[in-house]
PDB file of all heavy atoms in Angstrom:
ATOM      1  N   GLY A   1      76.827  58.410  58.090  1.00  0.00           N
ATOM      2  CA  GLY A   1      76.859  57.175  58.867  1.00  0.00           C
ATOM      3  C   GLY A   1      78.230  56.530  58.840  1.00  0.00           C
ATOM      4  O   GLY A   1      78.938  56.563  57.831  1.00  0.00           O
ATOM      5  N   GLY A   2      78.583  55.872  59.951  1.00  0.00           N
ATOM      6  CA  GLY A   2      79.869  55.156  60.011  1.00  0.00           C
ATOM      7  C   GLY A   2      81.030  56.092  60.306  1.00  0.00           C
ATOM      8  O   GLY A   2      80.939  57.298  60.072  1.00  0.00           O
ATOM      9  N   PRO A   3      82.147  55.553  60.800  1.00  0.00           N
ATOM     10  CA  PRO A   3      83.293  56.391  61.184  1.00  0.00           C
ATOM     11  C   PRO A   3      84.098  56.841  59.957  1.00  0.00           C
ATOM     12  O   PRO A   3      84.052  56.199  58.903  1.00  0.00           O
ATOM     13  CB  PRO A   3      84.125  55.445  62.049  1.00  0.00           C
ATOM     14  CG  PRO A   3      83.814  54.075  61.523  1.00  0.00           C
ATOM     15  CD  PRO A   3      82.364  54.121  61.124  1.00  0.00           C
ATOM     16  N   SER A   4      84.811  57.894  60.131  1.00  0.00           N
ATOM     17  CA  SER A   4      85.750  58.352  59.089  1.00  0.00           C
ATOM     18  C   SER A   4      87.039  57.543  59.160  1.00  0.00           C
ATOM     19  O   SER A   4      87.510  57.222  60.257  1.00  0.00           O
ATOM     20  CB  SER A   4      86.055  59.827  59.310  1.00  0.00           C
ATOM     21  OG  SER A   4      87.234  60.213  58.614  1.00  0.00           O
ATOM     22  N   GLY A   5      87.565  57.228  57.990  1.00  0.00           N
ATOM     23  CA  GLY A   5      88.857  56.510  57.972  1.00  0.00           C
ATOM     24  C   GLY A   5      89.975  57.291  58.605  1.00  0.00           C
ATOM     25  O   GLY A   5      90.922  56.711  59.155  1.00  0.00           O
ATOM     26  N   LEU A   6      89.878  58.632  58.541  1.00  0.00           N
ATOM     27  CA  LEU A   6      90.898  59.461  59.147  1.00  0.00           C
ATOM     28  C   LEU A   6      90.827  59.415  60.666  1.00  0.00           C
ATOM     29  O   LEU A   6      91.878  59.555  61.339  1.00  0.00           O
ATOM     30  CB  LEU A   6      90.743  60.908  58.653  1.00  0.00           C
ATOM     31  CG  LEU A   6      91.861  61.894  59.036  1.00  0.00           C
ATOM     32  CD1 LEU A   6      93.175  61.493  58.384  1.00  0.00           C
ATOM     33  CD2 LEU A   6      91.478  63.304  58.665  1.00  0.00           C
ATOM     34  N   SER A   7      89.643  59.239  61.217  1.00  0.00           N
ATOM     35  CA  SER A   7      89.491  59.303  62.672  1.00  0.00           C
ATOM     36  C   SER A   7      90.101  58.100  63.401  1.00  0.00           C
ATOM     37  O   SER A   7      90.422  58.171  64.565  1.00  0.00           O
ATOM     38  CB  SER A   7      88.018  59.436  63.052  1.00  0.00           C
ATOM     39  OG  SER A   7      87.286  58.260  62.694  1.00  0.00           O
ATOM     40  N   VAL A   8      90.244  56.978  62.689  1.00  0.00           N
ATOM     41  CA  VAL A   8      90.758  55.766  63.324  1.00  0.00           C
ATOM     42  C   VAL A   8      92.156  55.410  62.899  1.00  0.00           C
ATOM     43  O   VAL A   8      92.828  54.565  63.543  1.00  0.00           O
ATOM     44  CB  VAL A   8      89.832  54.559  63.062  1.00  0.00           C
ATOM     45  CG1 VAL A   8      88.440  54.826  63.621  1.00  0.00           C
ATOM     46  CG2 VAL A   8      89.748  54.257  61.575  1.00  0.00           C
ATOM     47  N   VAL A   9      92.710  56.048  61.847  1.00  0.00           N
ATOM     48  CA  VAL A   9      93.954  55.580  61.285  1.00  0.00           C
ATOM     49  C   VAL A   9      95.140  55.813  62.214  1.00  0.00           C
ATOM     50  O   VAL A   9      96.080  55.020  62.267  1.00  0.00           O
ATOM     51  CB  VAL A   9      94.198  56.250  59.904  1.00  0.00           C
ATOM     52  CG1 VAL A   9      94.537  57.756  60.051  1.00  0.00           C
ATOM     53  CG2 VAL A   9      95.245  55.520  59.118  1.00  0.00           C
ATOM     54  N   GLU A  10      95.133  56.902  62.997  1.00  0.00           N
ATOM     55  CA  GLU A  10      96.265  57.172  63.861  1.00  0.00           C
ATOM     56  C   GLU A  10      96.403  56.106  64.946  1.00  0.00           C
ATOM     57  O   GLU A  10      97.490  55.683  65.274  1.00  0.00           O
ATOM     58  CB  GLU A  10      96.151  58.566  64.496  1.00  0.00           C
ATOM     59  CG  GLU A  10      97.411  58.964  65.276  1.00  0.00           C
ATOM     60  CD  GLU A  10      97.456  60.452  65.613  1.00  0.00           C
ATOM     61  OE1 GLU A  10      96.500  61.194  65.252  1.00  0.00           O
ATOM     62  OE2 GLU A  10      98.450  60.887  66.192  1.00  0.00           O
ATOM     63  N   GLU A  11      95.270  55.648  65.456  1.00  0.00           N
ATOM     64  CA  GLU A  11      95.285  54.591  66.490  1.00  0.00           C
ATOM     65  C   GLU A  11      95.816  53.294  65.888  1.00  0.00           C
ATOM     66  O   GLU A  11      96.529  52.538  66.550  1.00  0.00           O
ATOM     67  CB  GLU A  11      93.896  54.391  67.026  1.00  0.00           C
ATOM     68  CG  GLU A  11      93.792  53.359  68.125  1.00  0.00           C
ATOM     69  CD  GLU A  11      92.366  53.247  68.646  1.00  0.00           C
ATOM     70  OE1 GLU A  11      91.509  54.056  68.329  1.00  0.00           O
ATOM     71  OE2 GLU A  11      92.150  52.253  69.420  1.00  0.00           O
ATOM     72  N   ILE A  12      95.503  53.054  64.638  1.00  0.00           N
ATOM     73  CA  ILE A  12      95.899  51.792  63.987  1.00  0.00           C
ATOM     74  C   ILE A  12      97.375  51.783  63.576  1.00  0.00           C
ATOM     75  O   ILE A  12      98.090  50.791  63.777  1.00  0.00           O
ATOM     76  CB  ILE A  12      95.025  51.549  62.726  1.00  0.00           C
ATOM     77  CG1 ILE A  12      93.568  51.364  63.114  1.00  0.00           C
ATOM     78  CG2 ILE A  12      95.532  50.304  61.967  1.00  0.00           C
ATOM     79  CD1 ILE A  12      92.606  51.355  61.921  1.00  0.00           C
ATOM     80  N   LEU A  13      97.873  52.930  63.106  1.00  0.00           N
ATOM     81  CA  LEU A  13      99.205  52.951  62.471  1.00  0.00           C
ATOM     82  C   LEU A  13     100.287  53.689  63.258  1.00  0.00           C
ATOM     83  O   LEU A  13     101.405  53.809  62.781  1.00  0.00           O
ATOM     84  CB  LEU A  13      99.112  53.603  61.081  1.00  0.00           C
ATOM     85  CG  LEU A  13      98.114  52.975  60.078  1.00  0.00           C
ATOM     86  CD1 LEU A  13      98.153  53.751  58.755  1.00  0.00           C
ATOM     87  CD2 LEU A  13      98.419  51.506  59.851  1.00  0.00           C
ATOM     88  N   THR A  14      99.959  54.129  64.447  1.00  0.00           N
ATOM     89  CA  THR A  14     100.853  55.068  65.158  1.00  0.00           C
ATOM     90  C   THR A  14     102.250  54.498  65.431  1.00  0.00           C
ATOM     91  O   THR A  14     103.207  55.263  65.524  1.00  0.00           O
ATOM     92  CB  THR A  14     100.195  55.514  66.464  1.00  0.00           C
ATOM     93  OG1 THR A  14     100.998  56.575  67.025  1.00  0.00           O
ATOM     94  CG2 THR A  14     100.122  54.365  67.491  1.00  0.00           C
ATOM     95  N   ASP A  15     102.413  53.197  65.555  1.00  0.00           N
ATOM     96  CA  ASP A  15     103.718  52.613  65.925  1.00  0.00           C
ATOM     97  C   ASP A  15     104.502  52.102  64.722  1.00  0.00           C
ATOM     98  O   ASP A  15     105.557  51.454  64.898  1.00  0.00           O
ATOM     99  CB  ASP A  15     103.496  51.463  66.896  1.00  0.00           C
ATOM    100  CG  ASP A  15     102.952  51.936  68.242  1.00  0.00           C
ATOM    101  OD1 ASP A  15     103.330  53.057  68.647  1.00  0.00           O
ATOM    102  OD2 ASP A  15     102.175  51.211  68.870  1.00  0.00           O
ATOM    103  N   ILE A  16     104.070  52.366  63.485  1.00  0.00           N
ATOM    104  CA  ILE A  16     104.764  51.880  62.314  1.00  0.00           C
ATOM    105  C   ILE A  16     105.851  52.872  61.892  1.00  0.00           C
ATOM    106  O   ILE A  16     105.579  54.032  61.671  1.00  0.00           O
ATOM    107  CB  ILE A  16     103.767  51.611  61.173  1.00  0.00           C
ATOM    108  CG1 ILE A  16     102.772  50.528  61.565  1.00  0.00           C
ATOM    109  CG2 ILE A  16     104.543  51.207  59.895  1.00  0.00           C
ATOM    110  CD1 ILE A  16     101.769  50.211  60.489  1.00  0.00           C
ATOM    111  N   GLU A  17     107.101  52.358  61.727  1.00  0.00           N
ATOM    112  CA  GLU A  17     108.186  53.210  61.338  1.00  0.00           C
ATOM    113  C   GLU A  17     107.968  53.694  59.885  1.00  0.00           C
ATOM    114  O   GLU A  17     107.532  52.895  59.052  1.00  0.00           O
ATOM    115  CB  GLU A  17     109.490  52.434  61.445  1.00  0.00           C
ATOM    116  CG  GLU A  17     110.732  53.277  61.168  1.00  0.00           C
ATOM    117  CD  GLU A  17     112.017  52.477  61.377  1.00  0.00           C
ATOM    118  OE1 GLU A  17     111.949  51.345  61.889  1.00  0.00           O
ATOM    119  OE2 GLU A  17     113.091  52.996  61.012  1.00  0.00           O
ATOM    120  N   GLY A  18     108.301  54.942  59.634  1.00  0.00           N
ATOM    121  CA  GLY A  18     108.136  55.505  58.273  1.00  0.00           C
ATOM    122  C   GLY A  18     106.814  56.194  58.086  1.00  0.00           C
ATOM    123  O   GLY A  18     106.529  56.716  56.982  1.00  0.00           O
ATOM    124  N   ILE A  19     105.942  56.195  59.143  1.00  0.00           N
ATOM    125  CA  ILE A  19     104.674  56.882  59.084  1.00  0.00           C
ATOM    126  C   ILE A  19     104.684  58.023  60.112  1.00  0.00           C
ATOM    127  O   ILE A  19     105.019  57.795  61.258  1.00  0.00           O
ATOM    128  CB  ILE A  19     103.483  55.932  59.357  1.00  0.00           C
ATOM    129  CG1 ILE A  19     103.397  54.866  58.248  1.00  0.00           C
ATOM    130  CG2 ILE A  19     102.194  56.689  59.449  1.00  0.00           C
ATOM    131  CD1 ILE A  19     102.280  53.887  58.405  1.00  0.00           C
ATOM    132  N   SER A  20     104.328  59.208  59.714  1.00  0.00           N
ATOM    133  CA  SER A  20     104.285  60.381  60.582  1.00  0.00           C
ATOM    134  C   SER A  20     102.882  60.989  60.616  1.00  0.00           C
ATOM    135  O   SER A  20     102.181  60.969  59.609  1.00  0.00           O
ATOM    136  CB  SER A  20     105.282  61.442  60.113  1.00  0.00           C
ATOM    137  OG  SER A  20     106.612  60.995  60.215  1.00  0.00           O
ATOM    138  N   PHE A  21     102.532  61.495  61.781  1.00  0.00           N
ATOM    139  CA  PHE A  21     101.285  62.239  61.955  1.00  0.00           C
ATOM    140  C   PHE A  21     101.606  63.638  62.416  1.00  0.00           C
ATOM    141  O   PHE A  21     102.339  63.847  63.410  1.00  0.00           O
ATOM    142  CB  PHE A  21     100.392  61.551  63.015  1.00  0.00           C
ATOM    143  CG  PHE A  21      99.796  60.247  62.521  1.00  0.00           C
ATOM    144  CD1 PHE A  21     100.472  59.065  62.649  1.00  0.00           C
ATOM    145  CD2 PHE A  21      98.545  60.205  61.918  1.00  0.00           C
ATOM    146  CE1 PHE A  21      99.981  57.869  62.226  1.00  0.00           C
ATOM    147  CE2 PHE A  21      97.995  59.024  61.491  1.00  0.00           C
ATOM    148  CZ  PHE A  21      98.708  57.835  61.623  1.00  0.00           C
ATOM    149  N   VAL A  22     101.071  64.636  61.699  1.00  0.00           N
ATOM    150  CA  VAL A  22     101.292  66.033  62.062  1.00  0.00           C
ATOM    151  C   VAL A  22      99.951  66.678  62.253  1.00  0.00           C
ATOM    152  O   VAL A  22      99.077  66.605  61.394  1.00  0.00           O
ATOM    153  CB  VAL A  22     102.101  66.772  60.944  1.00  0.00           C
ATOM    154  CG1 VAL A  22     102.264  68.248  61.319  1.00  0.00           C
ATOM    155  CG2 VAL A  22     103.428  66.107  60.671  1.00  0.00           C
ATOM    156  N   HIS A  23      99.787  67.319  63.404  1.00  0.00           N
ATOM    157  CA  HIS A  23      98.526  68.031  63.719  1.00  0.00           C
ATOM    158  C   HIS A  23      98.748  69.509  63.579  1.00  0.00           C
ATOM    159  O   HIS A  23      99.622  70.095  64.260  1.00  0.00           O
ATOM    160  CB  HIS A  23      98.031  67.652  65.126  1.00  0.00           C
ATOM    161  CG  HIS A  23      97.612  66.234  65.239  1.00  0.00           C
ATOM    162  ND1 HIS A  23      96.278  65.824  65.071  1.00  0.00           N
ATOM    163  CD2 HIS A  23      98.317  65.096  65.483  1.00  0.00           C
ATOM    164  CE1 HIS A  23      96.215  64.513  65.202  1.00  0.00           C
ATOM    165  NE2 HIS A  23      97.419  64.052  65.450  1.00  0.00           N
ATOM    166  N   LEU A  24      97.969  70.159  62.738  1.00  0.00           N
ATOM    167  CA  LEU A  24      98.033  71.590  62.525  1.00  0.00           C
ATOM    168  C   LEU A  24      96.846  72.267  63.181  1.00  0.00           C
ATOM    169  O   LEU A  24      95.810  71.636  63.362  1.00  0.00           O
ATOM    170  CB  LEU A  24      98.071  71.917  61.035  1.00  0.00           C
ATOM    171  CG  LEU A  24      99.253  71.299  60.262  1.00  0.00           C
ATOM    172  CD1 LEU A  24      99.014  71.416  58.765  1.00  0.00           C
ATOM    173  CD2 LEU A  24     100.568  71.939  60.660  1.00  0.00           C
ATOM    174  N   GLY A  25      97.018  73.525  63.553  1.00  0.00           N
ATOM    175  CA  GLY A  25      95.918  74.210  64.254  1.00  0.00           C
ATOM    176  C   GLY A  25      95.742  75.636  63.763  1.00  0.00           C
ATOM    177  O   GLY A  25      96.267  76.041  62.715  1.00  0.00           O
ATOM    178  N   GLY A  26      94.963  76.391  64.497  1.00  0.00           N
ATOM    179  CA  GLY A  26      94.628  77.756  64.124  1.00  0.00           C
ATOM    180  C   GLY A  26      95.852  78.644  63.937  1.00  0.00           C
ATOM    181  O   GLY A  26      95.869  79.522  63.069  1.00  0.00           O
ATOM    182  N   LYS A  27      96.931  78.370  64.658  1.00  0.00           N
ATOM    183  CA  LYS A  27      98.162  79.163  64.539  1.00  0.00           C
ATOM    184  C   LYS A  27      98.875  78.919  63.216  1.00  0.00           C
ATOM    185  O   LYS A  27      99.769  79.660  62.843  1.00  0.00           O
ATOM    186  CB  LYS A  27      99.098  78.905  65.719  1.00  0.00           C
ATOM    187  CG  LYS A  27      98.545  79.319  67.078  1.00  0.00           C
ATOM    188  CD  LYS A  27      99.539  79.055  68.177  1.00  0.00           C
ATOM    189  CE  LYS A  27      98.955  79.332  69.548  1.00  0.00           C
ATOM    190  NZ  LYS A  27      98.517  80.714  69.689  1.00  0.00           N
ATOM    191  N   ASP A  28      98.470  77.842  62.528  1.00  0.00           N
ATOM    192  CA  ASP A  28      99.099  77.521  61.258  1.00  0.00           C
ATOM    193  C   ASP A  28      98.267  77.987  60.037  1.00  0.00           C
ATOM    194  O   ASP A  28      98.670  77.747  58.912  1.00  0.00           O
ATOM    195  CB  ASP A  28      99.308  76.000  61.164  1.00  0.00           C
ATOM    196  CG  ASP A  28     100.228  75.497  62.263  1.00  0.00           C
ATOM    197  OD1 ASP A  28     101.349  75.975  62.343  1.00  0.00           O
ATOM    198  OD2 ASP A  28      99.770  74.628  63.038  1.00  0.00           O
ATOM    199  N   VAL A  29      97.154  78.654  60.292  1.00  0.00           N
ATOM    200  CA  VAL A  29      96.343  79.203  59.191  1.00  0.00           C
ATOM    201  C   VAL A  29      97.118  80.344  58.586  1.00  0.00           C
ATOM    202  O   VAL A  29      97.520  81.298  59.291  1.00  0.00           O
ATOM    203  CB  VAL A  29      94.963  79.643  59.680  1.00  0.00           C
ATOM    204  CG1 VAL A  29      94.210  80.388  58.600  1.00  0.00           C
ATOM    205  CG2 VAL A  29      94.152  78.465  60.182  1.00  0.00           C
ATOM    206  N   VAL A  30      97.312  80.309  57.272  1.00  0.00           N
ATOM    207  CA  VAL A  30      98.120  81.340  56.622  1.00  0.00           C
ATOM    208  C   VAL A  30      97.336  82.114  55.597  1.00  0.00           C
ATOM    209  O   VAL A  30      97.899  82.765  54.707  1.00  0.00           O
ATOM    210  CB  VAL A  30      99.379  80.721  55.950  1.00  0.00           C
ATOM    211  CG1 VAL A  30     100.325  80.176  57.004  1.00  0.00           C
ATOM    212  CG2 VAL A  30      98.987  79.614  54.963  1.00  0.00           C
ATOM    213  N   ARG A  31      96.034  82.097  55.690  1.00  0.00           N
ATOM    214  CA  ARG A  31      95.215  82.977  54.865  1.00  0.00           C
ATOM    215  C   ARG A  31      95.161  84.335  55.570  1.00  0.00           C
ATOM    216  O   ARG A  31      95.953  84.625  56.430  1.00  0.00           O
ATOM    217  CB  ARG A  31      93.832  82.366  54.691  1.00  0.00           C
ATOM    218  CG  ARG A  31      93.894  81.056  53.848  1.00  0.00           C
ATOM    219  CD  ARG A  31      92.526  80.424  53.698  1.00  0.00           C
ATOM    220  NE  ARG A  31      92.643  79.181  52.922  1.00  0.00           N
ATOM    221  CZ  ARG A  31      91.654  78.330  52.759  1.00  0.00           C
ATOM    222  NH1 ARG A  31      90.485  78.541  53.322  1.00  0.00           N
ATOM    223  NH2 ARG A  31      91.831  77.203  52.049  1.00  0.00           N
ATOM    224  N   HIS A  32      94.225  85.155  55.235  1.00  0.00           N
ATOM    225  CA  HIS A  32      94.067  86.448  55.858  1.00  0.00           C
ATOM    226  C   HIS A  32      94.052  86.302  57.380  1.00  0.00           C
ATOM    227  O   HIS A  32      93.508  85.347  57.885  1.00  0.00           O
ATOM    228  CB  HIS A  32      92.764  87.102  55.351  1.00  0.00           C
ATOM    229  CG  HIS A  32      92.657  88.563  55.681  1.00  0.00           C
ATOM    230  ND1 HIS A  32      92.395  89.033  56.958  1.00  0.00           N
ATOM    231  CD2 HIS A  32      92.750  89.658  54.897  1.00  0.00           C
ATOM    232  CE1 HIS A  32      92.322  90.335  56.934  1.00  0.00           C
ATOM    233  NE2 HIS A  32      92.557  90.740  55.721  1.00  0.00           N
ATOM    234  N   GLN A  33      94.639  87.255  58.081  1.00  0.00           N
ATOM    235  CA  GLN A  33      94.714  87.193  59.547  1.00  0.00           C
ATOM    236  C   GLN A  33      93.344  86.919  60.172  1.00  0.00           C
ATOM    237  O   GLN A  33      93.234  86.172  61.161  1.00  0.00           O
ATOM    238  CB  GLN A  33      95.269  88.507  60.084  1.00  0.00           C
ATOM    239  CG  GLN A  33      95.355  88.592  61.617  1.00  0.00           C
ATOM    240  CD  GLN A  33      96.349  87.576  62.198  1.00  0.00           C
ATOM    241  OE1 GLN A  33      97.246  87.169  61.498  1.00  0.00           O
ATOM    242  NE2 GLN A  33      96.149  87.225  63.455  1.00  0.00           N
ATOM    243  N   ILE A  34      92.280  87.477  59.612  1.00  0.00           N
ATOM    244  CA  ILE A  34      90.956  87.282  60.204  1.00  0.00           C
ATOM    245  C   ILE A  34      90.524  85.817  60.075  1.00  0.00           C
ATOM    246  O   ILE A  34      89.784  85.325  60.924  1.00  0.00           O
ATOM    247  CB  ILE A  34      89.939  88.228  59.557  1.00  0.00           C
ATOM    248  CG1 ILE A  34      88.685  88.308  60.456  1.00  0.00           C
ATOM    249  CG2 ILE A  34      89.566  87.778  58.170  1.00  0.00           C
ATOM    250  CD1 ILE A  34      87.706  89.375  60.027  1.00  0.00           C
ATOM    251  N   VAL A  35      91.024  85.086  59.044  1.00  0.00           N
ATOM    252  CA  VAL A  35      90.668  83.666  58.908  1.00  0.00           C
ATOM    253  C   VAL A  35      91.228  82.879  60.069  1.00  0.00           C
ATOM    254  O   VAL A  35      90.592  82.003  60.630  1.00  0.00           O
ATOM    255  CB  VAL A  35      91.173  83.127  57.563  1.00  0.00           C
ATOM    256  CG1 VAL A  35      90.876  81.625  57.477  1.00  0.00           C
ATOM    257  CG2 VAL A  35      90.497  83.862  56.395  1.00  0.00           C
ATOM    258  N   GLN A  36      92.477  83.175  60.448  1.00  0.00           N
ATOM    259  CA  GLN A  36      93.090  82.508  61.603  1.00  0.00           C
ATOM    260  C   GLN A  36      92.265  82.765  62.853  1.00  0.00           C
ATOM    261  O   GLN A  36      91.995  81.844  63.640  1.00  0.00           O
ATOM    262  CB  GLN A  36      94.533  83.012  61.794  1.00  0.00           C
ATOM    263  CG  GLN A  36      95.174  82.417  63.050  1.00  0.00           C
ATOM    264  CD  GLN A  36      96.621  82.866  63.202  1.00  0.00           C
ATOM    265  OE1 GLN A  36      97.300  83.133  62.205  1.00  0.00           O
ATOM    266  NE2 GLN A  36      97.111  82.934  64.405  1.00  0.00           N
ATOM    267  N   GLU A  37      91.797  83.997  63.030  1.00  0.00           N
ATOM    268  CA  GLU A  37      91.023  84.344  64.235  1.00  0.00           C
ATOM    269  C   GLU A  37      89.668  83.618  64.213  1.00  0.00           C
ATOM    270  O   GLU A  37      89.153  83.187  65.251  1.00  0.00           O
ATOM    271  CB  GLU A  37      90.870  85.843  64.317  1.00  0.00           C
ATOM    272  CG  GLU A  37      92.191  86.576  64.553  1.00  0.00           C
ATOM    273  CD  GLU A  37      92.071  88.078  64.488  1.00  0.00           C
ATOM    274  OE1 GLU A  37      90.915  88.591  64.399  1.00  0.00           O
ATOM    275  OE2 GLU A  37      93.109  88.765  64.492  1.00  0.00           O
ATOM    276  N   ILE A  38      89.081  83.492  63.012  1.00  0.00           N
ATOM    277  CA  ILE A  38      87.796  82.804  62.877  1.00  0.00           C
ATOM    278  C   ILE A  38      87.975  81.324  63.239  1.00  0.00           C
ATOM    279  O   ILE A  38      87.159  80.750  63.992  1.00  0.00           O
ATOM    280  CB  ILE A  38      87.242  82.949  61.437  1.00  0.00           C
ATOM    281  CG1 ILE A  38      86.782  84.401  61.207  1.00  0.00           C
ATOM    282  CG2 ILE A  38      86.104  81.975  61.194  1.00  0.00           C
ATOM    283  CD1 ILE A  38      86.444  84.693  59.772  1.00  0.00           C
ATOM    284  N   VAL A  39      89.004  80.679  62.706  1.00  0.00           N
ATOM    285  CA  VAL A  39      89.265  79.257  62.991  1.00  0.00           C
ATOM    286  C   VAL A  39      89.448  79.042  64.482  1.00  0.00           C
ATOM    287  O   VAL A  39      88.875  78.131  65.077  1.00  0.00           O
ATOM    288  CB  VAL A  39      90.490  78.758  62.188  1.00  0.00           C
ATOM    289  CG1 VAL A  39      90.908  77.372  62.689  1.00  0.00           C
ATOM    290  CG2 VAL A  39      90.205  78.691  60.733  1.00  0.00           C
ATOM    291  N   GLU A  40      90.218  79.894  65.122  1.00  0.00           N
ATOM    292  CA  GLU A  40      90.486  79.759  66.579  1.00  0.00           C
ATOM    293  C   GLU A  40      89.203  80.004  67.358  1.00  0.00           C
ATOM    294  O   GLU A  40      88.951  79.345  68.368  1.00  0.00           O
ATOM    295  CB  GLU A  40      91.597  80.687  67.008  1.00  0.00           C
ATOM    296  CG  GLU A  40      92.968  80.299  66.436  1.00  0.00           C
ATOM    297  CD  GLU A  40      94.081  81.235  66.876  1.00  0.00           C
ATOM    298  OE1 GLU A  40      93.751  82.355  67.305  1.00  0.00           O
ATOM    299  OE2 GLU A  40      95.243  80.806  66.787  1.00  0.00           O
ATOM    300  N   ALA A  41      88.375  80.978  66.916  1.00  0.00           N
ATOM    301  CA  ALA A  41      87.117  81.279  67.627  1.00  0.00           C
ATOM    302  C   ALA A  41      86.174  80.088  67.548  1.00  0.00           C
ATOM    303  O   ALA A  41      85.557  79.713  68.546  1.00  0.00           O
ATOM    304  CB  ALA A  41      86.478  82.512  67.031  1.00  0.00           C
ATOM    305  N   TYR A  42      86.067  79.463  66.360  1.00  0.00           N
ATOM    306  CA  TYR A  42      85.203  78.289  66.226  1.00  0.00           C
ATOM    307  C   TYR A  42      85.753  77.117  67.063  1.00  0.00           C
ATOM    308  O   TYR A  42      84.973  76.339  67.623  1.00  0.00           O
ATOM    309  CB  TYR A  42      85.060  77.862  64.765  1.00  0.00           C
ATOM    310  CG  TYR A  42      83.867  78.507  64.084  1.00  0.00           C
ATOM    311  CD1 TYR A  42      84.053  79.613  63.269  1.00  0.00           C
ATOM    312  CD2 TYR A  42      82.593  77.997  64.265  1.00  0.00           C
ATOM    313  CE1 TYR A  42      82.955  80.218  62.608  1.00  0.00           C
ATOM    314  CE2 TYR A  42      81.506  78.594  63.634  1.00  0.00           C
ATOM    315  CZ  TYR A  42      81.721  79.681  62.816  1.00  0.00           C
ATOM    316  OH  TYR A  42      80.626  80.276  62.191  1.00  0.00           O
TER     317      TYR A  42
END
């Protein structure tokens, strides 16, 4: 129940200097190659 603090924080803090947001994806998975393919498939 209720929202996640992570889901709203970028909207709240996006314009503050000294704060960065980095989004990683399936191409950044560095475990076994099949794990990257599983993440991208999901």
